[in-house]
Each structure stands twice: as structure tokens, then as C-alpha cells.
mmCIF file of all heavy atoms, coordinates in Angstrom:
data_MODEL
# 
_entry.id   MODEL 
# 
loop_
_atom_site.group_PDB 
_atom_site.id 
_atom_site.type_symbol 
_atom_site.label_atom_id 
_atom_site.label_alt_id 
_atom_site.label_comp_id 
_atom_site.label_asym_id 
_atom_site.label_entity_id 
_atom_site.label_seq_id 
_atom_site.pdbx_PDB_ins_code 
_atom_site.Cartn_x 
_atom_site.Cartn_y 
_atom_site.Cartn_z 
_atom_site.occupancy 
_atom_site.B_iso_or_equiv 
_atom_site.pdbx_formal_charge 
_atom_site.auth_seq_id 
_atom_site.auth_comp_id 
_atom_site.auth_asym_id 
_atom_site.auth_atom_id 
_atom_site.pdbx_PDB_model_num 
ATOM 1   N N   . ARG A 1 1  ? 30.139 18.150 33.575 1.00 0.00 ? 1  ARG A N   1 
ATOM 2   C CA  . ARG A 1 1  ? 29.765 16.740 34.002 1.00 0.00 ? 1  ARG A CA  1 
ATOM 3   C C   . ARG A 1 1  ? 29.531 15.834 32.786 1.00 0.00 ? 1  ARG A C   1 
ATOM 4   O O   . ARG A 1 1  ? 28.992 14.774 32.960 1.00 0.00 ? 1  ARG A O   1 
ATOM 5   C CB  . ARG A 1 1  ? 28.607 16.804 34.877 1.00 0.00 ? 1  ARG A CB  1 
ATOM 6   C CG  . ARG A 1 1  ? 28.938 17.120 36.415 1.00 0.00 ? 1  ARG A CG  1 
ATOM 7   C CD  . ARG A 1 1  ? 29.271 18.595 36.501 1.00 0.00 ? 1  ARG A CD  1 
ATOM 8   N NE  . ARG A 1 1  ? 29.653 18.845 37.904 1.00 0.00 ? 1  ARG A NE  1 
ATOM 9   C CZ  . ARG A 1 1  ? 30.152 20.065 38.371 1.00 0.00 ? 1  ARG A CZ  1 
ATOM 10  N NH1 . ARG A 1 1  ? 30.310 20.974 37.347 1.00 0.00 ? 1  ARG A NH1 1 
ATOM 11  N NH2 . ARG A 1 1  ? 30.485 20.222 39.674 1.00 0.00 ? 1  ARG A NH2 1 
ATOM 12  N N   . GLY A 1 2  ? 29.866 16.262 31.572 1.00 0.00 ? 2  GLY A N   1 
ATOM 13  C CA  . GLY A 1 2  ? 29.678 15.491 30.386 1.00 0.00 ? 2  GLY A CA  1 
ATOM 14  C C   . GLY A 1 2  ? 28.715 16.038 29.349 1.00 0.00 ? 2  GLY A C   1 
ATOM 15  O O   . GLY A 1 2  ? 27.982 15.149 28.710 1.00 0.00 ? 2  GLY A O   1 
ATOM 16  N N   . LEU A 1 3  ? 28.625 17.283 29.207 1.00 0.00 ? 3  LEU A N   1 
ATOM 17  C CA  . LEU A 1 3  ? 27.779 17.947 28.147 1.00 0.00 ? 3  LEU A CA  1 
ATOM 18  C C   . LEU A 1 3  ? 26.237 17.695 28.494 1.00 0.00 ? 3  LEU A C   1 
ATOM 19  O O   . LEU A 1 3  ? 25.550 17.565 27.604 1.00 0.00 ? 3  LEU A O   1 
ATOM 20  C CB  . LEU A 1 3  ? 28.032 17.582 26.851 1.00 0.00 ? 3  LEU A CB  1 
ATOM 21  C CG  . LEU A 1 3  ? 29.589 17.519 26.359 1.00 0.00 ? 3  LEU A CG  1 
ATOM 22  C CD1 . LEU A 1 3  ? 29.757 17.206 24.939 1.00 0.00 ? 3  LEU A CD1 1 
ATOM 23  C CD2 . LEU A 1 3  ? 30.263 18.883 26.724 1.00 0.00 ? 3  LEU A CD2 1 
ATOM 24  N N   . LEU A 1 4  ? 26.006 17.483 29.858 1.00 0.00 ? 4  LEU A N   1 
ATOM 25  C CA  . LEU A 1 4  ? 24.522 16.973 30.024 1.00 0.00 ? 4  LEU A CA  1 
ATOM 26  C C   . LEU A 1 4  ? 23.480 17.940 29.921 1.00 0.00 ? 4  LEU A C   1 
ATOM 27  O O   . LEU A 1 4  ? 22.386 17.492 29.450 1.00 0.00 ? 4  LEU A O   1 
ATOM 28  C CB  . LEU A 1 4  ? 24.679 16.468 31.501 1.00 0.00 ? 4  LEU A CB  1 
ATOM 29  C CG  . LEU A 1 4  ? 25.543 15.260 31.737 1.00 0.00 ? 4  LEU A CG  1 
ATOM 30  C CD1 . LEU A 1 4  ? 25.397 14.779 33.197 1.00 0.00 ? 4  LEU A CD1 1 
ATOM 31  C CD2 . LEU A 1 4  ? 25.204 14.003 30.852 1.00 0.00 ? 4  LEU A CD2 1 
ATOM 32  N N   . GLY A 1 5  ? 23.659 19.282 30.130 1.00 0.00 ? 5  GLY A N   1 
ATOM 33  C CA  . GLY A 1 5  ? 22.595 20.229 29.936 1.00 0.00 ? 5  GLY A CA  1 
ATOM 34  C C   . GLY A 1 5  ? 22.204 20.313 28.371 1.00 0.00 ? 5  GLY A C   1 
ATOM 35  O O   . GLY A 1 5  ? 21.071 20.347 28.112 1.00 0.00 ? 5  GLY A O   1 
ATOM 36  N N   . SER A 1 6  ? 23.274 20.414 27.639 1.00 0.00 ? 6  SER A N   1 
ATOM 37  C CA  . SER A 1 6  ? 22.920 20.452 26.262 1.00 0.00 ? 6  SER A CA  1 
ATOM 38  C C   . SER A 1 6  ? 22.399 19.170 25.630 1.00 0.00 ? 6  SER A C   1 
ATOM 39  O O   . SER A 1 6  ? 21.520 19.054 24.770 1.00 0.00 ? 6  SER A O   1 
ATOM 40  C CB  . SER A 1 6  ? 24.202 20.823 25.328 1.00 0.00 ? 6  SER A CB  1 
ATOM 41  O OG  . SER A 1 6  ? 25.266 19.978 25.620 1.00 0.00 ? 6  SER A OG  1 
ATOM 42  N N   . GLU A 1 7  ? 22.797 17.988 26.255 1.00 0.00 ? 7  GLU A N   1 
ATOM 43  C CA  . GLU A 1 7  ? 22.276 16.697 25.850 1.00 0.00 ? 7  GLU A CA  1 
ATOM 44  C C   . GLU A 1 7  ? 20.835 16.594 26.290 1.00 0.00 ? 7  GLU A C   1 
ATOM 45  O O   . GLU A 1 7  ? 19.990 16.054 25.535 1.00 0.00 ? 7  GLU A O   1 
ATOM 46  C CB  . GLU A 1 7  ? 23.082 15.594 26.589 1.00 0.00 ? 7  GLU A CB  1 
ATOM 47  C CG  . GLU A 1 7  ? 22.618 14.185 26.320 1.00 0.00 ? 7  GLU A CG  1 
ATOM 48  C CD  . GLU A 1 7  ? 22.764 13.782 24.854 1.00 0.00 ? 7  GLU A CD  1 
ATOM 49  O OE1 . GLU A 1 7  ? 23.569 14.356 24.053 1.00 0.00 ? 7  GLU A OE1 1 
ATOM 50  O OE2 . GLU A 1 7  ? 22.229 12.740 24.500 1.00 0.00 ? 7  GLU A OE2 1 
ATOM 51  N N   . ALA A 1 8  ? 20.501 17.245 27.412 1.00 0.00 ? 8  ALA A N   1 
ATOM 52  C CA  . ALA A 1 8  ? 19.024 17.153 27.848 1.00 0.00 ? 8  ALA A CA  1 
ATOM 53  C C   . ALA A 1 8  ? 18.215 17.959 26.910 1.00 0.00 ? 8  ALA A C   1 
ATOM 54  O O   . ALA A 1 8  ? 17.036 17.511 26.563 1.00 0.00 ? 8  ALA A O   1 
ATOM 55  C CB  . ALA A 1 8  ? 19.039 17.722 29.247 1.00 0.00 ? 8  ALA A CB  1 
ATOM 56  N N   . TYR A 1 9  ? 18.742 19.064 26.456 1.00 0.00 ? 9  TYR A N   1 
ATOM 57  C CA  . TYR A 1 9  ? 18.022 19.887 25.491 1.00 0.00 ? 9  TYR A CA  1 
ATOM 58  C C   . TYR A 1 9  ? 17.940 19.171 24.114 1.00 0.00 ? 9  TYR A C   1 
ATOM 59  O O   . TYR A 1 9  ? 16.782 19.167 23.546 1.00 0.00 ? 9  TYR A O   1 
ATOM 60  C CB  . TYR A 1 9  ? 18.679 21.211 25.190 1.00 0.00 ? 9  TYR A CB  1 
ATOM 61  C CG  . TYR A 1 9  ? 18.017 21.991 24.135 1.00 0.00 ? 9  TYR A CG  1 
ATOM 62  C CD1 . TYR A 1 9  ? 16.909 22.863 24.465 1.00 0.00 ? 9  TYR A CD1 1 
ATOM 63  C CD2 . TYR A 1 9  ? 18.459 21.825 22.831 1.00 0.00 ? 9  TYR A CD2 1 
ATOM 64  C CE1 . TYR A 1 9  ? 16.288 23.586 23.313 1.00 0.00 ? 9  TYR A CE1 1 
ATOM 65  C CE2 . TYR A 1 9  ? 17.697 22.531 21.688 1.00 0.00 ? 9  TYR A CE2 1 
ATOM 66  C CZ  . TYR A 1 9  ? 16.690 23.449 21.981 1.00 0.00 ? 9  TYR A CZ  1 
ATOM 67  O OH  . TYR A 1 9  ? 15.977 24.051 21.113 1.00 0.00 ? 9  TYR A OH  1 
ATOM 68  N N   . ALA A 1 10 ? 19.003 18.507 23.692 1.00 0.00 ? 10 ALA A N   1 
ATOM 69  C CA  . ALA A 1 10 ? 19.034 17.833 22.480 1.00 0.00 ? 10 ALA A CA  1 
ATOM 70  C C   . ALA A 1 10 ? 18.045 16.657 22.356 1.00 0.00 ? 10 ALA A C   1 
ATOM 71  O O   . ALA A 1 10 ? 17.495 16.236 21.365 1.00 0.00 ? 10 ALA A O   1 
ATOM 72  C CB  . ALA A 1 10 ? 20.360 17.317 22.081 1.00 0.00 ? 10 ALA A CB  1 
ATOM 73  N N   . THR A 1 11 ? 17.784 16.049 23.567 1.00 0.00 ? 11 THR A N   1 
ATOM 74  C CA  . THR A 1 11 ? 16.866 14.834 23.649 1.00 0.00 ? 11 THR A CA  1 
ATOM 75  C C   . THR A 1 11 ? 15.406 15.231 23.835 1.00 0.00 ? 11 THR A C   1 
ATOM 76  O O   . THR A 1 11 ? 14.497 14.559 23.484 1.00 0.00 ? 11 THR A O   1 
ATOM 77  C CB  . THR A 1 11 ? 17.189 13.924 24.931 1.00 0.00 ? 11 THR A CB  1 
ATOM 78  O OG1 . THR A 1 11 ? 17.138 14.724 25.986 1.00 0.00 ? 11 THR A OG1 1 
ATOM 79  C CG2 . THR A 1 11 ? 18.574 13.402 24.663 1.00 0.00 ? 11 THR A CG2 1 
ATOM 80  N N   . ALA A 1 12 ? 15.190 16.657 24.279 1.00 0.00 ? 12 ALA A N   1 
ATOM 81  C CA  . ALA A 1 12 ? 13.924 17.148 24.280 1.00 0.00 ? 12 ALA A CA  1 
ATOM 82  C C   . ALA A 1 12 ? 13.973 18.583 23.867 1.00 0.00 ? 12 ALA A C   1 
ATOM 83  O O   . ALA A 1 12 ? 13.755 19.451 24.687 1.00 0.00 ? 12 ALA A O   1 
ATOM 84  C CB  . ALA A 1 12 ? 13.367 17.096 25.795 1.00 0.00 ? 12 ALA A CB  1 
ATOM 85  N N   . PRO A 1 13 ? 14.202 18.780 22.574 1.00 0.00 ? 13 PRO A N   1 
ATOM 86  C CA  . PRO A 1 13 ? 14.375 20.163 22.122 1.00 0.00 ? 13 PRO A CA  1 
ATOM 87  C C   . PRO A 1 13 ? 13.089 21.055 22.104 1.00 0.00 ? 13 PRO A C   1 
ATOM 88  O O   . PRO A 1 13 ? 12.006 20.562 21.831 1.00 0.00 ? 13 PRO A O   1 
ATOM 89  C CB  . PRO A 1 13 ? 14.866 19.890 20.673 1.00 0.00 ? 13 PRO A CB  1 
ATOM 90  C CG  . PRO A 1 13 ? 14.390 18.669 20.260 1.00 0.00 ? 13 PRO A CG  1 
ATOM 91  C CD  . PRO A 1 13 ? 14.304 17.749 21.582 1.00 0.00 ? 13 PRO A CD  1 
ATOM 92  N N   . VAL A 1 14 ? 13.192 22.230 22.453 1.00 0.00 ? 14 VAL A N   1 
ATOM 93  C CA  . VAL A 1 14 ? 12.119 23.187 22.520 1.00 0.00 ? 14 VAL A CA  1 
ATOM 94  C C   . VAL A 1 14 ? 11.860 23.581 21.064 1.00 0.00 ? 14 VAL A C   1 
ATOM 95  O O   . VAL A 1 14 ? 10.696 23.842 20.762 1.00 0.00 ? 14 VAL A O   1 
ATOM 96  C CB  . VAL A 1 14 ? 12.464 24.457 23.278 1.00 0.00 ? 14 VAL A CB  1 
ATOM 97  C CG1 . VAL A 1 14 ? 11.305 25.340 23.359 1.00 0.00 ? 14 VAL A CG1 1 
ATOM 98  C CG2 . VAL A 1 14 ? 12.796 24.062 24.793 1.00 0.00 ? 14 VAL A CG2 1 
ATOM 99  N N   . TYR A 1 15 ? 12.864 23.574 20.151 1.00 0.00 ? 15 TYR A N   1 
ATOM 100 C CA  . TYR A 1 15 ? 12.676 24.057 18.745 1.00 0.00 ? 15 TYR A CA  1 
ATOM 101 C C   . TYR A 1 15 ? 13.192 22.776 17.952 1.00 0.00 ? 15 TYR A C   1 
ATOM 102 O O   . TYR A 1 15 ? 14.264 22.174 18.279 1.00 0.00 ? 15 TYR A O   1 
ATOM 103 C CB  . TYR A 1 15 ? 13.609 25.221 18.399 1.00 0.00 ? 15 TYR A CB  1 
ATOM 104 C CG  . TYR A 1 15 ? 13.280 26.286 19.423 1.00 0.00 ? 15 TYR A CG  1 
ATOM 105 C CD1 . TYR A 1 15 ? 14.142 26.519 20.629 1.00 0.00 ? 15 TYR A CD1 1 
ATOM 106 C CD2 . TYR A 1 15 ? 12.152 27.094 19.385 1.00 0.00 ? 15 TYR A CD2 1 
ATOM 107 C CE1 . TYR A 1 15 ? 13.833 27.461 21.533 1.00 0.00 ? 15 TYR A CE1 1 
ATOM 108 C CE2 . TYR A 1 15 ? 11.810 28.107 20.332 1.00 0.00 ? 15 TYR A CE2 1 
ATOM 109 C CZ  . TYR A 1 15 ? 12.566 28.341 21.384 1.00 0.00 ? 15 TYR A CZ  1 
ATOM 110 O OH  . TYR A 1 15 ? 12.299 29.229 22.385 1.00 0.00 ? 15 TYR A OH  1 
ATOM 111 N N   . PRO A 1 16 ? 12.465 22.368 16.908 1.00 0.00 ? 16 PRO A N   1 
ATOM 112 C CA  . PRO A 1 16 ? 12.810 21.307 16.083 1.00 0.00 ? 16 PRO A CA  1 
ATOM 113 C C   . PRO A 1 16 ? 14.335 21.276 15.618 1.00 0.00 ? 16 PRO A C   1 
ATOM 114 O O   . PRO A 1 16 ? 14.688 22.373 14.987 1.00 0.00 ? 16 PRO A O   1 
ATOM 115 C CB  . PRO A 1 16 ? 11.787 21.252 15.020 1.00 0.00 ? 16 PRO A CB  1 
ATOM 116 C CG  . PRO A 1 16 ? 10.729 21.992 15.493 1.00 0.00 ? 16 PRO A CG  1 
ATOM 117 C CD  . PRO A 1 16 ? 11.199 23.076 16.393 1.00 0.00 ? 16 PRO A CD  1 
ATOM 118 N N   . LEU A 1 17 ? 15.051 20.242 15.842 1.00 0.00 ? 17 LEU A N   1 
ATOM 119 C CA  . LEU A 1 17 ? 16.344 20.239 15.368 1.00 0.00 ? 17 LEU A CA  1 
ATOM 120 C C   . LEU A 1 17 ? 16.571 20.252 13.872 1.00 0.00 ? 17 LEU A C   1 
ATOM 121 O O   . LEU A 1 17 ? 17.525 20.708 13.317 1.00 0.00 ? 17 LEU A O   1 
ATOM 122 C CB  . LEU A 1 17 ? 17.179 19.036 15.998 1.00 0.00 ? 17 LEU A CB  1 
ATOM 123 C CG  . LEU A 1 17 ? 17.240 19.041 17.510 1.00 0.00 ? 17 LEU A CG  1 
ATOM 124 C CD1 . LEU A 1 17 ? 18.105 17.791 17.966 1.00 0.00 ? 17 LEU A CD1 1 
ATOM 125 C CD2 . LEU A 1 17 ? 17.858 20.120 18.106 1.00 0.00 ? 17 LEU A CD2 1 
ATOM 126 N N   . ALA A 1 18 ? 15.517 19.650 13.165 1.00 0.00 ? 18 ALA A N   1 
ATOM 127 C CA  . ALA A 1 18 ? 15.596 19.670 11.769 1.00 0.00 ? 18 ALA A CA  1 
ATOM 128 C C   . ALA A 1 18 ? 15.493 21.138 11.276 1.00 0.00 ? 18 ALA A C   1 
ATOM 129 O O   . ALA A 1 18 ? 16.103 21.350 10.148 1.00 0.00 ? 18 ALA A O   1 
ATOM 130 C CB  . ALA A 1 18 ? 14.412 18.979 11.234 1.00 0.00 ? 18 ALA A CB  1 
ATOM 131 N N   . LYS A 1 19 ? 15.054 22.065 11.919 1.00 0.00 ? 19 LYS A N   1 
ATOM 132 C CA  . LYS A 1 19 ? 14.902 23.400 11.461 1.00 0.00 ? 19 LYS A CA  1 
ATOM 133 C C   . LYS A 1 19 ? 15.886 24.290 12.359 1.00 0.00 ? 19 LYS A C   1 
ATOM 134 O O   . LYS A 1 19 ? 15.757 25.538 12.352 1.00 0.00 ? 19 LYS A O   1 
ATOM 135 C CB  . LYS A 1 19 ? 13.533 23.964 11.539 1.00 0.00 ? 19 LYS A CB  1 
ATOM 136 C CG  . LYS A 1 19 ? 12.582 23.245 10.446 1.00 0.00 ? 19 LYS A CG  1 
ATOM 137 C CD  . LYS A 1 19 ? 11.276 24.011 10.393 1.00 0.00 ? 19 LYS A CD  1 
ATOM 138 C CE  . LYS A 1 19 ? 10.480 23.431 9.200  1.00 0.00 ? 19 LYS A CE  1 
ATOM 139 N NZ  . LYS A 1 19 ? 9.176  24.231 8.957  1.00 0.00 ? 19 LYS A NZ  1 
ATOM 140 N N   . THR A 1 20 ? 16.748 23.819 13.047 1.00 0.00 ? 20 THR A N   1 
ATOM 141 C CA  . THR A 1 20 ? 17.886 24.523 13.751 1.00 0.00 ? 20 THR A CA  1 
ATOM 142 C C   . THR A 1 20 ? 18.874 24.658 12.786 1.00 0.00 ? 20 THR A C   1 
ATOM 143 O O   . THR A 1 20 ? 19.548 23.688 12.297 1.00 0.00 ? 20 THR A O   1 
ATOM 144 C CB  . THR A 1 20 ? 18.254 23.815 15.047 1.00 0.00 ? 20 THR A CB  1 
ATOM 145 O OG1 . THR A 1 20 ? 17.141 23.593 15.890 1.00 0.00 ? 20 THR A OG1 1 
ATOM 146 C CG2 . THR A 1 20 ? 19.432 24.635 15.753 1.00 0.00 ? 20 THR A CG2 1 
ATOM 147 N N   . VAL A 1 21 ? 19.201 25.931 12.435 1.00 0.00 ? 21 VAL A N   1 
ATOM 148 C CA  . VAL A 1 21 ? 20.019 26.265 11.129 1.00 0.00 ? 21 VAL A CA  1 
ATOM 149 C C   . VAL A 1 21 ? 21.437 25.887 11.552 1.00 0.00 ? 21 VAL A C   1 
ATOM 150 O O   . VAL A 1 21 ? 22.139 25.295 10.762 1.00 0.00 ? 21 VAL A O   1 
ATOM 151 C CB  . VAL A 1 21 ? 19.881 27.735 10.900 1.00 0.00 ? 21 VAL A CB  1 
ATOM 152 C CG1 . VAL A 1 21 ? 20.878 28.086 9.691  1.00 0.00 ? 21 VAL A CG1 1 
ATOM 153 C CG2 . VAL A 1 21 ? 18.441 28.088 10.621 1.00 0.00 ? 21 VAL A CG2 1 
ATOM 154 N N   . ALA A 1 22 ? 21.931 26.298 12.668 1.00 0.00 ? 22 ALA A N   1 
ATOM 155 C CA  . ALA A 1 22 ? 23.323 25.970 13.173 1.00 0.00 ? 22 ALA A CA  1 
ATOM 156 C C   . ALA A 1 22 ? 23.348 26.127 14.595 1.00 0.00 ? 22 ALA A C   1 
ATOM 157 O O   . ALA A 1 22 ? 22.538 26.825 15.311 1.00 0.00 ? 22 ALA A O   1 
ATOM 158 C CB  . ALA A 1 22 ? 24.254 26.961 12.552 1.00 0.00 ? 22 ALA A CB  1 
ATOM 159 N N   . SER A 1 23 ? 24.388 25.651 15.220 1.00 0.00 ? 23 SER A N   1 
ATOM 160 C CA  . SER A 1 23 ? 24.763 25.793 16.627 1.00 0.00 ? 23 SER A CA  1 
ATOM 161 C C   . SER A 1 23 ? 26.160 26.465 16.807 1.00 0.00 ? 23 SER A C   1 
ATOM 162 O O   . SER A 1 23 ? 27.184 25.929 16.273 1.00 0.00 ? 23 SER A O   1 
ATOM 163 C CB  . SER A 1 23 ? 24.831 24.344 17.401 1.00 0.00 ? 23 SER A CB  1 
ATOM 164 O OG  . SER A 1 23 ? 25.346 24.458 18.634 1.00 0.00 ? 23 SER A OG  1 
ATOM 165 N N   . LEU A 1 24 ? 26.095 27.598 17.384 1.00 0.00 ? 24 LEU A N   1 
ATOM 166 C CA  . LEU A 1 24 ? 27.244 28.409 17.428 1.00 0.00 ? 24 LEU A CA  1 
ATOM 167 C C   . LEU A 1 24 ? 27.663 28.544 18.910 1.00 0.00 ? 24 LEU A C   1 
ATOM 168 O O   . LEU A 1 24 ? 27.018 29.074 19.777 1.00 0.00 ? 24 LEU A O   1 
ATOM 169 C CB  . LEU A 1 24 ? 27.121 29.828 16.912 1.00 0.00 ? 24 LEU A CB  1 
ATOM 170 C CG  . LEU A 1 24 ? 26.563 29.824 15.471 1.00 0.00 ? 24 LEU A CG  1 
ATOM 171 C CD1 . LEU A 1 24 ? 26.197 31.187 14.995 1.00 0.00 ? 24 LEU A CD1 1 
ATOM 172 C CD2 . LEU A 1 24 ? 27.423 29.089 14.496 1.00 0.00 ? 24 LEU A CD2 1 
ATOM 173 N N   . THR A 1 25 ? 28.914 28.045 19.257 1.00 0.00 ? 25 THR A N   1 
ATOM 174 C CA  . THR A 1 25 ? 29.176 27.825 20.698 1.00 0.00 ? 25 THR A CA  1 
ATOM 175 C C   . THR A 1 25 ? 30.467 28.650 21.069 1.00 0.00 ? 25 THR A C   1 
ATOM 176 O O   . THR A 1 25 ? 31.408 28.519 20.344 1.00 0.00 ? 25 THR A O   1 
ATOM 177 C CB  . THR A 1 25 ? 29.326 26.345 20.993 1.00 0.00 ? 25 THR A CB  1 
ATOM 178 O OG1 . THR A 1 25 ? 28.067 25.641 20.952 1.00 0.00 ? 25 THR A OG1 1 
ATOM 179 C CG2 . THR A 1 25 ? 29.872 26.110 22.377 1.00 0.00 ? 25 THR A CG2 1 
ATOM 180 N N   . LEU A 1 26 ? 30.334 29.223 22.235 1.00 0.00 ? 26 LEU A N   1 
ATOM 181 C CA  . LEU A 1 26 ? 31.586 29.881 22.862 1.00 0.00 ? 26 LEU A CA  1 
ATOM 182 C C   . LEU A 1 26 ? 32.035 29.070 24.051 1.00 0.00 ? 26 LEU A C   1 
ATOM 183 O O   . LEU A 1 26 ? 31.230 29.059 25.004 1.00 0.00 ? 26 LEU A O   1 
ATOM 184 C CB  . LEU A 1 26 ? 31.377 31.422 23.234 1.00 0.00 ? 26 LEU A CB  1 
ATOM 185 C CG  . LEU A 1 26 ? 30.796 32.302 22.024 1.00 0.00 ? 26 LEU A CG  1 
ATOM 186 C CD1 . LEU A 1 26 ? 30.515 33.652 22.626 1.00 0.00 ? 26 LEU A CD1 1 
ATOM 187 C CD2 . LEU A 1 26 ? 31.906 32.370 20.926 1.00 0.00 ? 26 LEU A CD2 1 
ATOM 188 N N   . ASP A 1 27 ? 33.183 28.596 24.155 1.00 0.00 ? 27 ASP A N   1 
ATOM 189 C CA  . ASP A 1 27 ? 33.732 27.891 25.218 1.00 0.00 ? 27 ASP A CA  1 
ATOM 190 C C   . ASP A 1 27 ? 35.129 28.127 25.512 1.00 0.00 ? 27 ASP A C   1 
ATOM 191 O O   . ASP A 1 27 ? 35.938 27.393 24.863 1.00 0.00 ? 27 ASP A O   1 
ATOM 192 C CB  . ASP A 1 27 ? 33.361 26.422 25.098 1.00 0.00 ? 27 ASP A CB  1 
ATOM 193 C CG  . ASP A 1 27 ? 33.463 25.642 26.436 1.00 0.00 ? 27 ASP A CG  1 
ATOM 194 O OD1 . ASP A 1 27 ? 34.063 26.161 27.478 1.00 0.00 ? 27 ASP A OD1 1 
ATOM 195 O OD2 . ASP A 1 27 ? 33.230 24.467 26.499 1.00 0.00 ? 27 ASP A OD2 1 
# 
């Protein structure tokens, strides 16, 4: 529906994005 779940996480991250080392995705 437009990457909305990951967008919701990115707007309210549980873990600081500044200390998120990398994002590894399987699709």
C-alpha cells in the first residue's frame, strides 16, 4: 500500500536511526 508499515516505523523508530547500522531487506 506504499511502504506504509516501514514508514510508520521510520517516523516513530523504536531504535534510534542514527545508531541503526544498516537496513537489510528481502523482497
